[in-house]
Amino acid sequence: RWIGALALAGFTLLATFVALRFWEMQPPARFMAANAFFEHLGLVGGFLLVAWYDLNQRET
């Protein structure tokens, strides 16, 4: 599970920076894109937590 979670985290992080370039947008669209950007960063954090938890469970 940990390798899958890390792969999803890496893919999501890369896709977020490629697809959601909110810093290049003008205000109405910028706010929606920034919101989606930070939501995806939260998903990356969740995937990293799953990987960390799974690795710690294997050690005990």
C-alpha atoms as a PDB file:
ATOM      1  CA  ARG A   1       0.000   0.000   0.000  1.00  0.00           C
ATOM      2  CA  TRP A   2       2.758   2.468   0.810  1.00  0.00           C
ATOM      3  CA  ILE A   3       4.221   2.373  -2.690  1.00  0.00           C
ATOM      4  CA  GLY A   4       0.812   3.033  -4.219  1.00  0.00           C
ATOM      5  CA  ALA A   5       0.207   5.939  -1.853  1.00  0.00           C
ATOM      6  CA  LEU A   6       3.596   7.442  -2.726  1.00  0.00           C
ATOM      7  CA  ALA A   7       2.925   7.002  -6.441  1.00  0.00           C
ATOM      8  CA  LEU A   8      -0.451   8.721  -6.114  1.00  0.00           C
ATOM      9  CA  ALA A   9       1.116  11.534  -4.080  1.00  0.00           C
ATOM     10  CA  GLY A  10       3.806  12.102  -6.695  1.00  0.00           C
ATOM     11  CA  PHE A  11       1.381  12.006  -9.605  1.00  0.00           C
ATOM     12  CA  THR A  12      -1.115  14.300  -7.884  1.00  0.00           C
ATOM     13  CA  LEU A  13       1.598  16.788  -6.963  1.00  0.00           C
ATOM     14  CA  LEU A  14       2.962  16.876 -10.506  1.00  0.00           C
ATOM     15  CA  ALA A  15      -0.480  17.114 -12.098  1.00  0.00           C
ATOM     16  CA  THR A  16      -1.466  19.888  -9.686  1.00  0.00           C
ATOM     17  CA  PHE A  17       1.448  22.083 -10.707  1.00  0.00           C
ATOM     18  CA  VAL A  18       0.908  21.363 -14.406  1.00  0.00           C
ATOM     19  CA  ALA A  19      -2.880  21.773 -14.550  1.00  0.00           C
ATOM     20  CA  LEU A  20      -3.649  24.424 -11.929  1.00  0.00           C
ATOM     21  CA  ARG A  21      -1.410  27.397 -12.686  1.00  0.00           C
ATOM     22  CA  PHE A  22      -3.479  29.836 -10.640  1.00  0.00           C
ATOM     23  CA  TRP A  23      -0.599  32.326 -10.436  1.00  0.00           C
ATOM     24  CA  GLU A  24      -0.991  32.985 -14.185  1.00  0.00           C
ATOM     25  CA  MET A  25      -4.766  33.616 -14.088  1.00  0.00           C
ATOM     26  CA  GLN A  26      -6.858  36.732 -13.639  1.00  0.00           C
ATOM     27  CA  PRO A  27      -8.985  37.198 -10.499  1.00  0.00           C
ATOM     28  CA  PRO A  28     -12.335  35.447 -10.969  1.00  0.00           C
ATOM     29  CA  ALA A  29     -10.785  32.249 -12.296  1.00  0.00           C
ATOM     30  CA  ARG A  30      -7.726  32.625 -10.079  1.00  0.00           C
ATOM     31  CA  PHE A  31      -9.662  32.112  -6.847  1.00  0.00           C
ATOM     32  CA  MET A  32     -11.310  28.913  -8.038  1.00  0.00           C
ATOM     33  CA  ALA A  33      -8.044  27.519  -9.377  1.00  0.00           C
ATOM     34  CA  ALA A  34      -6.199  28.414  -6.162  1.00  0.00           C
ATOM     35  CA  ASN A  35      -8.877  26.633  -4.150  1.00  0.00           C
ATOM     36  CA  ALA A  36      -8.536  23.500  -6.287  1.00  0.00           C
ATOM     37  CA  PHE A  37      -4.735  23.751  -6.074  1.00  0.00           C
ATOM     38  CA  PHE A  38      -4.744  23.735  -2.282  1.00  0.00           C
ATOM     39  CA  GLU A  39      -7.367  20.981  -2.168  1.00  0.00           C
ATOM     40  CA  HIS A  40      -5.049  18.825  -4.254  1.00  0.00           C
ATOM     41  CA  LEU A  41      -2.125  19.638  -1.961  1.00  0.00           C
ATOM     42  CA  GLY A  42      -4.296  18.365   0.887  1.00  0.00           C
ATOM     43  CA  LEU A  43      -4.813  15.122  -1.018  1.00  0.00           C
ATOM     44  CA  VAL A  44      -1.040  14.795  -1.444  1.00  0.00           C
ATOM     45  CA  GLY A  45      -0.664  15.197   2.319  1.00  0.00           C
ATOM     46  CA  GLY A  46      -3.265  12.498   2.885  1.00  0.00           C
ATOM     47  CA  PHE A  47      -1.472  10.102   0.544  1.00  0.00           C
ATOM     48  CA  LEU A  48       1.796  10.764   2.372  1.00  0.00           C
ATOM     49  CA  LEU A  49       0.100  10.042   5.705  1.00  0.00           C
ATOM     50  CA  VAL A  50      -1.202   6.723   4.372  1.00  0.00           C
ATOM     51  CA  ALA A  51       2.293   5.778   3.182  1.00  0.00           C
ATOM     52  CA  TRP A  52       3.852   6.794   6.516  1.00  0.00           C
ATOM     53  CA  TYR A  53       1.220   4.904   8.513  1.00  0.00           C
ATOM     54  CA  ASP A  54       1.614   1.764   6.398  1.00  0.00           C
ATOM     55  CA  LEU A  55       5.402   1.808   6.730  1.00  0.00           C
ATOM     56  CA  ASN A  56       5.138   2.238  10.508  1.00  0.00           C
ATOM     57  CA  GLN A  57       2.649  -0.636  10.770  1.00  0.00           C
ATOM     58  CA  ARG A  58       5.075  -2.948   8.961  1.00  0.00           C
ATOM     59  CA  GLU A  59       7.853  -2.196  11.461  1.00  0.00           C
ATOM     60  CA  THR A  60       5.777  -3.126  14.515  1.00  0.00           C
END
